[in-house]
Each structure stands twice: as structure tokens, then as C-alpha cells.
C-alpha atoms as a PDB file:
ATOM      1  CA  MET A   1      -2.427 -14.539  11.145  1.00  0.00           C
ATOM      2  CA  THR A   2      -1.250 -11.587  12.982  1.00  0.00           C
ATOM      3  CA  PRO A   3      -3.299  -8.421  12.449  1.00  0.00           C
ATOM      4  CA  LEU A   4      -1.679  -5.132  11.414  1.00  0.00           C
ATOM      5  CA  ALA A   5      -3.219  -3.691  14.410  1.00  0.00           C
ATOM      6  CA  THR A   6      -1.607  -6.383  16.842  1.00  0.00           C
ATOM      7  CA  ILE A   7       1.966  -5.368  15.093  1.00  0.00           C
ATOM      8  CA  LEU A   8       1.655  -1.657  16.236  1.00  0.00           C
ATOM      9  CA  ALA A   9       0.270  -2.699  19.963  1.00  0.00           C
ATOM     10  CA  GLU A  10       3.388  -4.666  20.230  1.00  0.00           C
ATOM     11  CA  ALA A  11       5.658  -1.846  18.964  1.00  0.00           C
ATOM     12  CA  VAL A  12       8.133  -0.174  21.714  1.00  0.00           C
ATOM     13  CA  ARG A  13       7.820   3.548  20.942  1.00  0.00           C
ATOM     14  CA  THR A  14      10.681   5.835  20.819  1.00  0.00           C
ATOM     15  CA  GLU A  15      11.358   9.355  20.671  1.00  0.00           C
ATOM     16  CA  SER A  16      11.366   9.294  16.918  1.00  0.00           C
ATOM     17  CA  GLY A  17       9.144   6.475  16.143  1.00  0.00           C
ATOM     18  CA  PHE A  18       9.010   2.337  17.310  1.00  0.00           C
ATOM     19  CA  THR A  19      10.555  -0.594  16.962  1.00  0.00           C
ATOM     20  CA  SER A  20       8.779  -3.719  16.270  1.00  0.00           C
ATOM     21  CA  THR A  21       8.989  -7.096  14.531  1.00  0.00           C
ATOM     22  CA  VAL A  22       8.094  -8.529  11.060  1.00  0.00           C
ATOM     23  CA  HIS A  23       6.214 -11.912  11.682  1.00  0.00           C
ATOM     24  CA  THR A  24       6.507 -14.403   9.206  1.00  0.00           C
ATOM     25  CA  ASP A  25       3.156 -14.436   8.047  1.00  0.00           C
ATOM     26  CA  TRP A  26       3.617 -10.855   6.800  1.00  0.00           C
ATOM     27  CA  MET A  27       6.863 -11.973   4.659  1.00  0.00           C
ATOM     28  CA  GLN A  28       6.891 -12.288   0.754  1.00  0.00           C
ATOM     29  CA  GLY A  29      10.056 -14.173   0.431  1.00  0.00           C
ATOM     30  CA  ARG A  30      13.280 -12.550   2.058  1.00  0.00           C
ATOM     31  CA  THR A  31      11.649  -9.388   2.722  1.00  0.00           C
ATOM     32  CA  ALA A  32       8.494  -7.683   4.227  1.00  0.00           C
ATOM     33  CA  TYR A  33       5.460  -7.350   1.992  1.00  0.00           C
ATOM     34  CA  GLY A  34       5.981  -3.653   1.215  1.00  0.00           C
ATOM     35  CA  GLY A  35       2.717  -2.771   1.882  1.00  0.00           C
ATOM     36  CA  LEU A  36       3.032  -3.489   5.483  1.00  0.00           C
ATOM     37  CA  SER A  37       6.388  -1.842   5.714  1.00  0.00           C
ATOM     38  CA  ALA A  38       4.887   1.453   4.041  1.00  0.00           C
ATOM     39  CA  ALA A  39       2.097   1.201   6.786  1.00  0.00           C
ATOM     40  CA  LEU A  40       4.335   1.314   9.665  1.00  0.00           C
ATOM     41  CA  ALA A  41       6.186   3.991   8.090  1.00  0.00           C
ATOM     42  CA  LEU A  42       3.310   6.096   7.808  1.00  0.00           C
ATOM     43  CA  GLN A  43       2.329   5.110  11.244  1.00  0.00           C
ATOM     44  CA  ALA A  44       5.686   6.439  12.579  1.00  0.00           C
ATOM     45  CA  ALA A  45       4.831   9.794  10.638  1.00  0.00           C
ATOM     46  CA  LEU A  46       1.400  10.173  12.030  1.00  0.00           C
ATOM     47  CA  GLU A  47       2.720   9.508  16.072  1.00  0.00           C
ATOM     48  CA  VAL A  48       5.898  11.586  15.450  1.00  0.00           C
ATOM     49  CA  GLU A  49       4.244  14.790  14.219  1.00  0.00           C
ATOM     50  CA  PRO A  50       0.749  15.781  16.107  1.00  0.00           C
ATOM     51  CA  ASP A  51      -2.543  16.983  14.620  1.00  0.00           C
ATOM     52  CA  LEU A  52      -1.516  16.355  10.896  1.00  0.00           C
ATOM     53  CA  PRO A  53      -3.807  17.258   8.007  1.00  0.00           C
ATOM     54  CA  PRO A  54      -4.959  14.588   5.844  1.00  0.00           C
ATOM     55  CA  LEU A  55      -2.544  12.412   3.961  1.00  0.00           C
ATOM     56  CA  ARG A  56      -2.242  13.311   0.239  1.00  0.00           C
ATOM     57  CA  SER A  57       0.884  12.052  -1.327  1.00  0.00           C
ATOM     58  CA  ALA A  58       3.271   9.448  -0.704  1.00  0.00           C
ATOM     59  CA  GLN A  59       6.649   8.498  -2.414  1.00  0.00           C
ATOM     60  CA  VAL A  60       8.113   5.076  -1.347  1.00  0.00           C
ATOM     61  CA  ALA A  61      11.068   3.536  -2.053  1.00  0.00           C
ATOM     62  CA  PHE A  62      11.944  -0.156  -1.536  1.00  0.00           C
ATOM     63  CA  ILE A  63      15.359  -0.116  -1.011  1.00  0.00           C
ATOM     64  CA  GLY A  64      16.571  -3.548   0.644  1.00  0.00           C
ATOM     65  CA  PRO A  65      14.814  -6.579   2.231  1.00  0.00           C
ATOM     66  CA  LEU A  66      12.937  -6.009   5.724  1.00  0.00           C
ATOM     67  CA  ALA A  67      12.790  -9.049   8.270  1.00  0.00           C
ATOM     68  CA  GLY A  68      12.805  -9.864  12.021  1.00  0.00           C
ATOM     69  CA  PRO A  69      13.486  -7.133  14.275  1.00  0.00           C
ATOM     70  CA  ILE A  70      12.784  -3.351  12.695  1.00  0.00           C
ATOM     71  CA  THR A  71      13.195   0.226  13.729  1.00  0.00           C
ATOM     72  CA  VAL A  72      10.500   2.940  12.220  1.00  0.00           C
ATOM     73  CA  THR A  73      11.755   6.338  12.431  1.00  0.00           C
ATOM     74  CA  ALA A  74      10.197   9.597  11.210  1.00  0.00           C
ATOM     75  CA  THR A  75      11.583  13.234  10.640  1.00  0.00           C
ATOM     76  CA  LYS A  76       9.857  16.277  10.042  1.00  0.00           C
ATOM     77  CA  LEU A  77      11.026  17.905   6.780  1.00  0.00           C
ATOM     78  CA  ARG A  78       8.953  20.769   6.843  1.00  0.00           C
ATOM     79  CA  ARG A  79       5.484  22.279   8.216  1.00  0.00           C
ATOM     80  CA  GLY A  80       4.124  25.157   6.492  1.00  0.00           C
ATOM     81  CA  ARG A  81       0.416  26.809   7.178  1.00  0.00           C
ATOM     82  CA  ASN A  82      -1.412  24.109   4.943  1.00  0.00           C
ATOM     83  CA  ALA A  83       1.142  21.300   4.329  1.00  0.00           C
ATOM     84  CA  ALA A  84       3.448  19.230   6.353  1.00  0.00           C
ATOM     85  CA  PHE A  85       6.454  16.646   4.692  1.00  0.00           C
ATOM     86  CA  LEU A  86       7.772  13.869   6.708  1.00  0.00           C
ATOM     87  CA  GLN A  87      10.301  11.365   6.044  1.00  0.00           C
ATOM     88  CA  SER A  88       9.914   7.760   7.422  1.00  0.00           C
ATOM     89  CA  ASP A  89      12.612   5.179   7.270  1.00  0.00           C
ATOM     90  CA  VAL A  90      12.374   1.357   8.204  1.00  0.00           C
ATOM     91  CA  THR A  91      15.692  -0.530   8.756  1.00  0.00           C
ATOM     92  CA  SER A  92      16.560  -4.262  10.156  1.00  0.00           C
ATOM     93  CA  GLU A  93      19.613  -5.807  10.793  1.00  0.00           C
ATOM     94  CA  ALA A  94      20.382  -6.026   6.625  1.00  0.00           C
ATOM     95  CA  GLY A  95      20.259  -2.206   6.880  1.00  0.00           C
ATOM     96  CA  LEU A  96      17.983   0.403   5.292  1.00  0.00           C
ATOM     97  CA  GLY A  97      15.003  -1.229   3.751  1.00  0.00           C
ATOM     98  CA  LEU A  98      12.309   1.515   3.017  1.00  0.00           C
ATOM     99  CA  ARG A  99      12.256   5.081   2.690  1.00  0.00           C
ATOM    100  CA  ALA A 100       9.115   7.069   2.470  1.00  0.00           C
ATOM    101  CA  THR A 101       8.190  10.845   1.968  1.00  0.00           C
ATOM    102  CA  PHE A 102       4.683  11.875   3.219  1.00  0.00           C
ATOM    103  CA  VAL A 103       2.484  15.032   2.212  1.00  0.00           C
ATOM    104  CA  PHE A 104      -0.235  15.992   4.371  1.00  0.00           C
ATOM    105  CA  MET A 105      -2.265  19.019   3.014  1.00  0.00           C
ATOM    106  CA  ALA A 106      -5.287  20.568   4.895  1.00  0.00           C
ATOM    107  CA  PRO A 107      -8.233  21.104   2.644  1.00  0.00           C
ATOM    108  CA  LEU A 108      -8.227  24.535   1.295  1.00  0.00           C
ATOM    109  CA  ALA A 109     -10.851  26.766  -0.342  1.00  0.00           C
ATOM    110  CA  SER A 110     -11.030  26.710  -4.169  1.00  0.00           C
ATOM    111  CA  SER A 111     -12.954  28.469  -7.123  1.00  0.00           C
ATOM    112  CA  ILE A 112     -12.236  24.903  -8.686  1.00  0.00           C
ATOM    113  CA  ALA A 113     -14.512  21.867  -8.364  1.00  0.00           C
ATOM    114  CA  HIS A 114     -13.343  19.378 -11.275  1.00  0.00           C
ATOM    115  CA  ASP A 115     -13.892  15.509 -11.228  1.00  0.00           C
ATOM    116  CA  THR A 116     -13.653  13.629 -14.203  1.00  0.00           C
ATOM    117  CA  ALA A 117     -12.116  10.490 -12.349  1.00  0.00           C
ATOM    118  CA  LYS A 118     -13.061   7.131 -13.511  1.00  0.00           C
ATOM    119  CA  ARG A 119     -15.485   5.439 -10.850  1.00  0.00           C
ATOM    120  CA  ALA A 120     -15.097   1.540 -10.495  1.00  0.00           C
ATOM    121  CA  PRO A 121     -15.987  -0.557 -13.294  1.00  0.00           C
ATOM    122  CA  VAL A 122     -17.542  -3.372 -10.921  1.00  0.00           C
ATOM    123  CA  THR A 123     -19.445  -3.940  -7.842  1.00  0.00           C
ATOM    124  CA  PRO A 124     -18.152  -5.423  -4.688  1.00  0.00           C
ATOM    125  CA  PRO A 125     -18.420  -9.423  -4.441  1.00  0.00           C
ATOM    126  CA  PRO A 126     -22.007 -10.718  -3.370  1.00  0.00           C
ATOM    127  CA  ALA A 127     -22.579 -12.334  -0.084  1.00  0.00           C
ATOM    128  CA  GLY A 128     -21.659 -16.052  -0.376  1.00  0.00           C
ATOM    129  CA  ALA A 129     -18.668 -15.209  -3.286  1.00  0.00           C
ATOM    130  CA  GLU A 130     -15.814 -17.362  -3.157  1.00  0.00           C
ATOM    131  CA  LEU A 131     -13.104 -15.435  -1.755  1.00  0.00           C
ATOM    132  CA  TYR A 132      -9.369 -16.039  -1.877  1.00  0.00           C
ATOM    133  CA  THR A 133      -6.776 -16.463   1.191  1.00  0.00           C
ATOM    134  CA  GLY A 134      -3.286 -16.783   0.674  1.00  0.00           C
ATOM    135  CA  PRO A 135      -1.351 -19.325   2.459  1.00  0.00           C
ATOM    136  CA  GLU A 136      -0.601 -18.812   6.225  1.00  0.00           C
ATOM    137  CA  ASP A 137       3.114 -18.124   5.862  1.00  0.00           C
ATOM    138  CA  PHE A 138       2.641 -15.791   3.159  1.00  0.00           C
ATOM    139  CA  PHE A 139       1.532 -12.071   3.274  1.00  0.00           C
ATOM    140  CA  THR A 140      -1.653 -12.733   1.319  1.00  0.00           C
ATOM    141  CA  GLY A 141      -2.907 -14.778   4.434  1.00  0.00           C
ATOM    142  CA  ASN A 142      -3.937 -11.504   5.927  1.00  0.00           C
ATOM    143  CA  PHE A 143      -6.191 -10.638   2.865  1.00  0.00           C
ATOM    144  CA  ASN A 144      -9.355 -11.796   1.176  1.00  0.00           C
ATOM    145  CA  PHE A 145      -9.303 -11.227  -2.283  1.00  0.00           C
ATOM    146  CA  PHE A 146     -11.822 -11.379  -5.128  1.00  0.00           C
ATOM    147  CA  ASP A 147     -10.956 -11.588  -8.642  1.00  0.00           C
ATOM    148  CA  GLU A 148     -12.768  -9.470 -11.642  1.00  0.00           C
ATOM    149  CA  LYS A 149     -11.191 -11.027 -14.756  1.00  0.00           C
ATOM    150  CA  ASP A 150     -13.328 -10.197 -17.461  1.00  0.00           C
ATOM    151  CA  GLY A 151     -12.189  -7.535 -19.642  1.00  0.00           C
ATOM    152  CA  THR A 152      -8.686  -7.287 -18.227  1.00  0.00           C
ATOM    153  CA  GLY A 153      -5.876  -7.092 -20.810  1.00  0.00           C
ATOM    154  CA  PRO A 154      -2.633  -9.199 -21.024  1.00  0.00           C
ATOM    155  CA  ALA A 155      -0.660  -7.149 -18.231  1.00  0.00           C
ATOM    156  CA  GLU A 156      -3.644  -6.038 -15.891  1.00  0.00           C
ATOM    157  CA  TRP A 157      -5.247  -6.740 -12.664  1.00  0.00           C
ATOM    158  CA  LEU A 158      -8.661  -5.973 -11.128  1.00  0.00           C
ATOM    159  CA  ARG A 159      -9.415  -7.495  -8.100  1.00  0.00           C
ATOM    160  CA  TRP A 160     -11.270  -6.655  -4.852  1.00  0.00           C
ATOM    161  CA  ALA A 161      -9.036  -6.710  -1.191  1.00  0.00           C
ATOM    162  CA  ARG A 162      -9.722  -6.114   2.057  1.00  0.00           C
ATOM    163  CA  LEU A 163      -7.826  -6.945   5.546  1.00  0.00           C
ATOM    164  CA  ARG A 164      -9.193 -10.020   7.256  1.00  0.00           C
ATOM    165  CA  ASP A 165      -8.885  -7.805  10.376  1.00  0.00           C
ATOM    166  CA  HIS A 166      -8.793  -3.849   9.967  1.00  0.00           C
ATOM    167  CA  ALA A 167     -10.471  -2.990  13.285  1.00  0.00           C
ATOM    168  CA  GLY A 168      -8.611   0.263  14.891  1.00  0.00           C
ATOM    169  CA  LEU A 169      -6.512   1.066  11.912  1.00  0.00           C
ATOM    170  CA  ASP A 170      -6.243   4.959  10.509  1.00  0.00           C
ATOM    171  CA  PRO A 171      -7.954   4.425   7.253  1.00  0.00           C
ATOM    172  CA  PHE A 172      -4.589   5.751   5.571  1.00  0.00           C
ATOM    173  CA  VAL A 173      -2.364   3.138   7.102  1.00  0.00           C
ATOM    174  CA  GLU A 174      -5.207   0.643   6.159  1.00  0.00           C
ATOM    175  CA  LEU A 175      -4.640   2.130   2.478  1.00  0.00           C
ATOM    176  CA  MET A 176      -1.187   1.830   2.463  1.00  0.00           C
ATOM    177  CA  ALA A 177      -1.364  -1.974   3.608  1.00  0.00           C
ATOM    178  CA  ILE A 178      -3.613  -2.593   0.880  1.00  0.00           C
ATOM    179  CA  GLY A 179      -2.627  -0.346  -2.028  1.00  0.00           C
ATOM    180  CA  ASP A 180       0.694  -2.648  -2.813  1.00  0.00           C
ATOM    181  CA  ALA A 181      -1.446  -5.893  -2.567  1.00  0.00           C
ATOM    182  CA  LEU A 182      -1.462  -6.825  -6.185  1.00  0.00           C
ATOM    183  CA  PRO A 183       1.386  -9.021  -7.519  1.00  0.00           C
ATOM    184  CA  PRO A 184       3.104  -6.666 -10.616  1.00  0.00           C
ATOM    185  CA  ALA A 185       1.218  -6.485 -13.394  1.00  0.00           C
ATOM    186  CA  ALA A 186       3.767  -7.761 -15.489  1.00  0.00           C
ATOM    187  CA  PHE A 187       3.613 -11.088 -13.493  1.00  0.00           C
ATOM    188  CA  LYS A 188       0.643 -11.838 -15.648  1.00  0.00           C
ATOM    189  CA  LEU A 189       3.364 -12.024 -18.807  1.00  0.00           C
ATOM    190  CA  LEU A 190       5.214 -14.881 -17.318  1.00  0.00           C
ATOM    191  CA  GLU A 191       2.664 -17.203 -17.711  1.00  0.00           C
ATOM    192  CA  GLU A 192       4.372 -20.569 -16.230  1.00  0.00           C
ATOM    193  CA  LYS A 193       7.737 -19.260 -15.977  1.00  0.00           C
ATOM    194  CA  ARG A 194       8.772 -18.855 -12.250  1.00  0.00           C
ATOM    195  CA  THR A 195      10.827 -15.406 -12.716  1.00  0.00           C
ATOM    196  CA  PRO A 196      11.277 -13.085  -9.484  1.00  0.00           C
ATOM    197  CA  LEU A 197       9.969  -9.615  -9.514  1.00  0.00           C
ATOM    198  CA  SER A 198      10.486  -6.979  -7.178  1.00  0.00           C
ATOM    199  CA  SER A 199       8.950  -3.401  -6.602  1.00  0.00           C
ATOM    200  CA  LEU A 200      11.401  -0.951  -6.996  1.00  0.00           C
ATOM    201  CA  ASN A 201       9.070   2.443  -5.723  1.00  0.00           C
ATOM    202  CA  TRP A 202       5.550   3.498  -5.237  1.00  0.00           C
ATOM    203  CA  GLN A 203       4.259   7.026  -5.977  1.00  0.00           C
ATOM    204  CA  ILE A 204       0.539   7.308  -4.735  1.00  0.00           C
ATOM    205  CA  ASN A 205      -1.720  10.407  -4.742  1.00  0.00           C
ATOM    206  CA  PHE A 206      -4.891  10.219  -2.734  1.00  0.00           C
ATOM    207  CA  GLN A 207      -8.238  11.872  -4.246  1.00  0.00           C
ATOM    208  CA  THR A 208      -9.919  11.885  -0.981  1.00  0.00           C
ATOM    209  CA  ALA A 209      -9.300  13.600   2.447  1.00  0.00           C
ATOM    210  CA  ALA A 210     -11.437  11.041   4.480  1.00  0.00           C
ATOM    211  CA  PRO A 211     -11.271   7.619   2.773  1.00  0.00           C
ATOM    212  CA  ALA A 212     -13.901   5.004   3.705  1.00  0.00           C
ATOM    213  CA  THR A 213     -15.705   1.697   2.442  1.00  0.00           C
ATOM    214  CA  THR A 214     -18.244  -0.788   3.206  1.00  0.00           C
ATOM    215  CA  ASP A 215     -17.043  -4.287   4.627  1.00  0.00           C
ATOM    216  CA  GLY A 216     -13.333  -3.505   4.258  1.00  0.00           C
ATOM    217  CA  TRP A 217     -13.473  -3.896   0.536  1.00  0.00           C
ATOM    218  CA  TRP A 218     -11.403  -1.631  -1.836  1.00  0.00           C
ATOM    219  CA  LEU A 219     -11.033  -2.213  -5.668  1.00  0.00           C
ATOM    220  CA  LEU A 220      -7.411  -2.378  -6.835  1.00  0.00           C
ATOM    221  CA  HIS A 221      -6.162  -1.918 -10.362  1.00  0.00           C
ATOM    222  CA  ALA A 222      -2.909  -2.061 -11.961  1.00  0.00           C
ATOM    223  CA  ASN A 223      -2.075  -2.184 -15.691  1.00  0.00           C
ATOM    224  CA  ALA A 224       1.649  -2.366 -17.068  1.00  0.00           C
ATOM    225  CA  ASP A 225       1.852  -0.594 -20.556  1.00  0.00           C
ATOM    226  CA  THR A 226       5.782  -1.610 -20.819  1.00  0.00           C
ATOM    227  CA  ALA A 227       8.048  -4.401 -19.447  1.00  0.00           C
ATOM    228  CA  ARG A 228      11.128  -4.793 -21.052  1.00  0.00           C
ATOM    229  CA  ASP A 229      14.740  -4.805 -20.238  1.00  0.00           C
ATOM    230  CA  GLY A 230      14.194  -6.243 -17.178  1.00  0.00           C
ATOM    231  CA  TYR A 231      12.164  -3.273 -15.871  1.00  0.00           C
ATOM    232  CA  SER A 232       8.330  -2.480 -16.056  1.00  0.00           C
ATOM    233  CA  THR A 233       6.172   0.726 -14.933  1.00  0.00           C
ATOM    234  CA  GLN A 234       2.564   0.369 -14.090  1.00  0.00           C
ATOM    235  CA  ARG A 235      -0.469   2.604 -13.234  1.00  0.00           C
ATOM    236  CA  MET A 236      -2.480   1.955 -10.333  1.00  0.00           C
ATOM    237  CA  SER A 237      -6.051   2.910  -9.004  1.00  0.00           C
ATOM    238  CA  ILE A 238      -8.147   2.168  -6.076  1.00  0.00           C
ATOM    239  CA  TRP A 239     -11.589   2.725  -5.707  1.00  0.00           C
ATOM    240  CA  ASN A 240     -14.171   2.120  -2.603  1.00  0.00           C
ATOM    241  CA  ALA A 241     -17.088  -0.223  -2.524  1.00  0.00           C
ATOM    242  CA  ALA A 242     -19.124   2.950  -3.653  1.00  0.00           C
ATOM    243  CA  GLY A 243     -17.108   3.089  -7.018  1.00  0.00           C
ATOM    244  CA  GLU A 244     -15.752   6.101  -5.700  1.00  0.00           C
ATOM    245  CA  PRO A 245     -11.920   6.992  -6.730  1.00  0.00           C
ATOM    246  CA  VAL A 246      -9.700   6.868  -3.633  1.00  0.00           C
ATOM    247  CA  ALA A 247      -6.304   7.087  -5.035  1.00  0.00           C
ATOM    248  CA  GLU A 248      -3.870   6.675  -8.316  1.00  0.00           C
ATOM    249  CA  ALA A 249      -0.308   5.614  -7.972  1.00  0.00           C
ATOM    250  CA  MET A 250       2.575   4.431 -10.418  1.00  0.00           C
ATOM    251  CA  GLN A 251       5.265   1.965  -9.917  1.00  0.00           C
ATOM    252  CA  GLY A 252       8.605   0.696 -11.137  1.00  0.00           C
ATOM    253  CA  VAL A 253       8.951  -3.018 -11.229  1.00  0.00           C
ATOM    254  CA  ALA A 254      12.318  -4.974 -11.414  1.00  0.00           C
ATOM    255  CA  ILE A 255      11.692  -8.269 -13.495  1.00  0.00           C
ATOM    256  CA  PHE A 256      15.029 -10.686 -12.782  1.00  0.00           C
ATOM    257  CA  GLY A 257      14.566 -12.819 -15.990  1.00  0.00           C
END
């Protein structure tokens, strides 16, 4: 398998980002795994604009397939005293595949301190637990997974995930790579039918300026309330190994059948 850090190390830097290659072990069908593409887009933004405050939000549009040689470019849209907005595009031979807008914001002094966010409902897998790793010719081979099956609904996932090699990564880049690792929640409704699904967009808001976990584990949750007419919308969450909330997200999914 090819660690994400290796892909970044192999990249050739340009004035506005870098060029690199999507290795076959990061593919999902005819396109790169969306979390990888989003992570590369964020890395370009971090490199193009120096001394950015912590990432607070990302809006990602999965526009088309990405495979083979890719070009990642980042552009500063605006930077004020507290917040910075950057846009990143990822293109390949097929054209524009991903466009992301990132919002970085420094912590501000505030009289408000409110936190009723739900804590993780389960603890990380114990030592010696049976972990799942995907096949080497699919992006899931770069991860370890542990499913939490009790209490989940008919269109709901709750799964621990970690990159098999996460050394040297910016924690937000790591989270972008991990945050999209679940199958669409509507996939559980298909039972034995093999119907293609594809993420259309991804809005993720981070609840901490300094994400950290233990042993690489992050708990991922996705739940689809509706799935009809070839479209599903789902709500998503990420917690760290201590059970602390890290991110909230939403995603639209196309269902081809």
C-alpha cells in the first residue's frame, strides 16, 4: 500500500500547488477515493498560503473522475484579520475532478462557552480485536476498520477507522483523508443488489482547533434519513478515541438504480 505521506513526498511542487499521481491502491472504481482527493486539496492550500490559522470548515464538490497524474492548485480568495478563504482544484486527464473551499479561522476571545455536542457512544477497539482491512487494489486497503453494529439503524454506519500509516501528516489532512471513508449510509438499504453510489458533495465543520487522538483511531458515523429518486442526504460525525467531538458533516449521494 502507498501511504498518503509518500504521495505528498513524491509530489512535484509548483507555484500554485503540486503535481502528483493517484496510485491504484487509492482508487475506488474509476476515480480516486474522495477523501484522498480532498486531503491533497487541503495540503495544497496549506502550502500555498503561509501561517494559516486552524481549519474550521471545508466545502467539497466531487465533480468528476480523478485517476493517474493529477494537478492540484490552490488560490487565496480572501484573507482578513481572523479568517482566510482558499479554493483548491484537483484535475486529471479527464478534467476538473474536485473543487474545495477551505475556511481557516483563528480562535477569538468570547463570552460564550457552550458545548452540548454528543460524545462518542462507544470506546475504541480493544487490543487484539479483529480488524478489517480492505483489498490492496482498493482504497480501503490503506485503512484499518472496526465496525460497531449494535444499535445502528437501517441506513446508518458506526465504524472506527485509522490510516494504516498516518505518520507525518497534518492532523486536518489526516482527517480529510479519513472522514469520507465510510460507504454512503444508503448503501445498507441495497442488501444484495449491486447498485453504484457516488458522493456529490461534502460539507464538514470542525469542532476543535487542535484535533488529536490515540493510536490513530477516529470514530465515524453516518446516517441517511431519506433516500429516494436516486438521491440521498446524510449527516455525519467524527469523534476521537477519547470520545470527544471532532467534526460534523453532511453529504449528498447519487444512487444509480
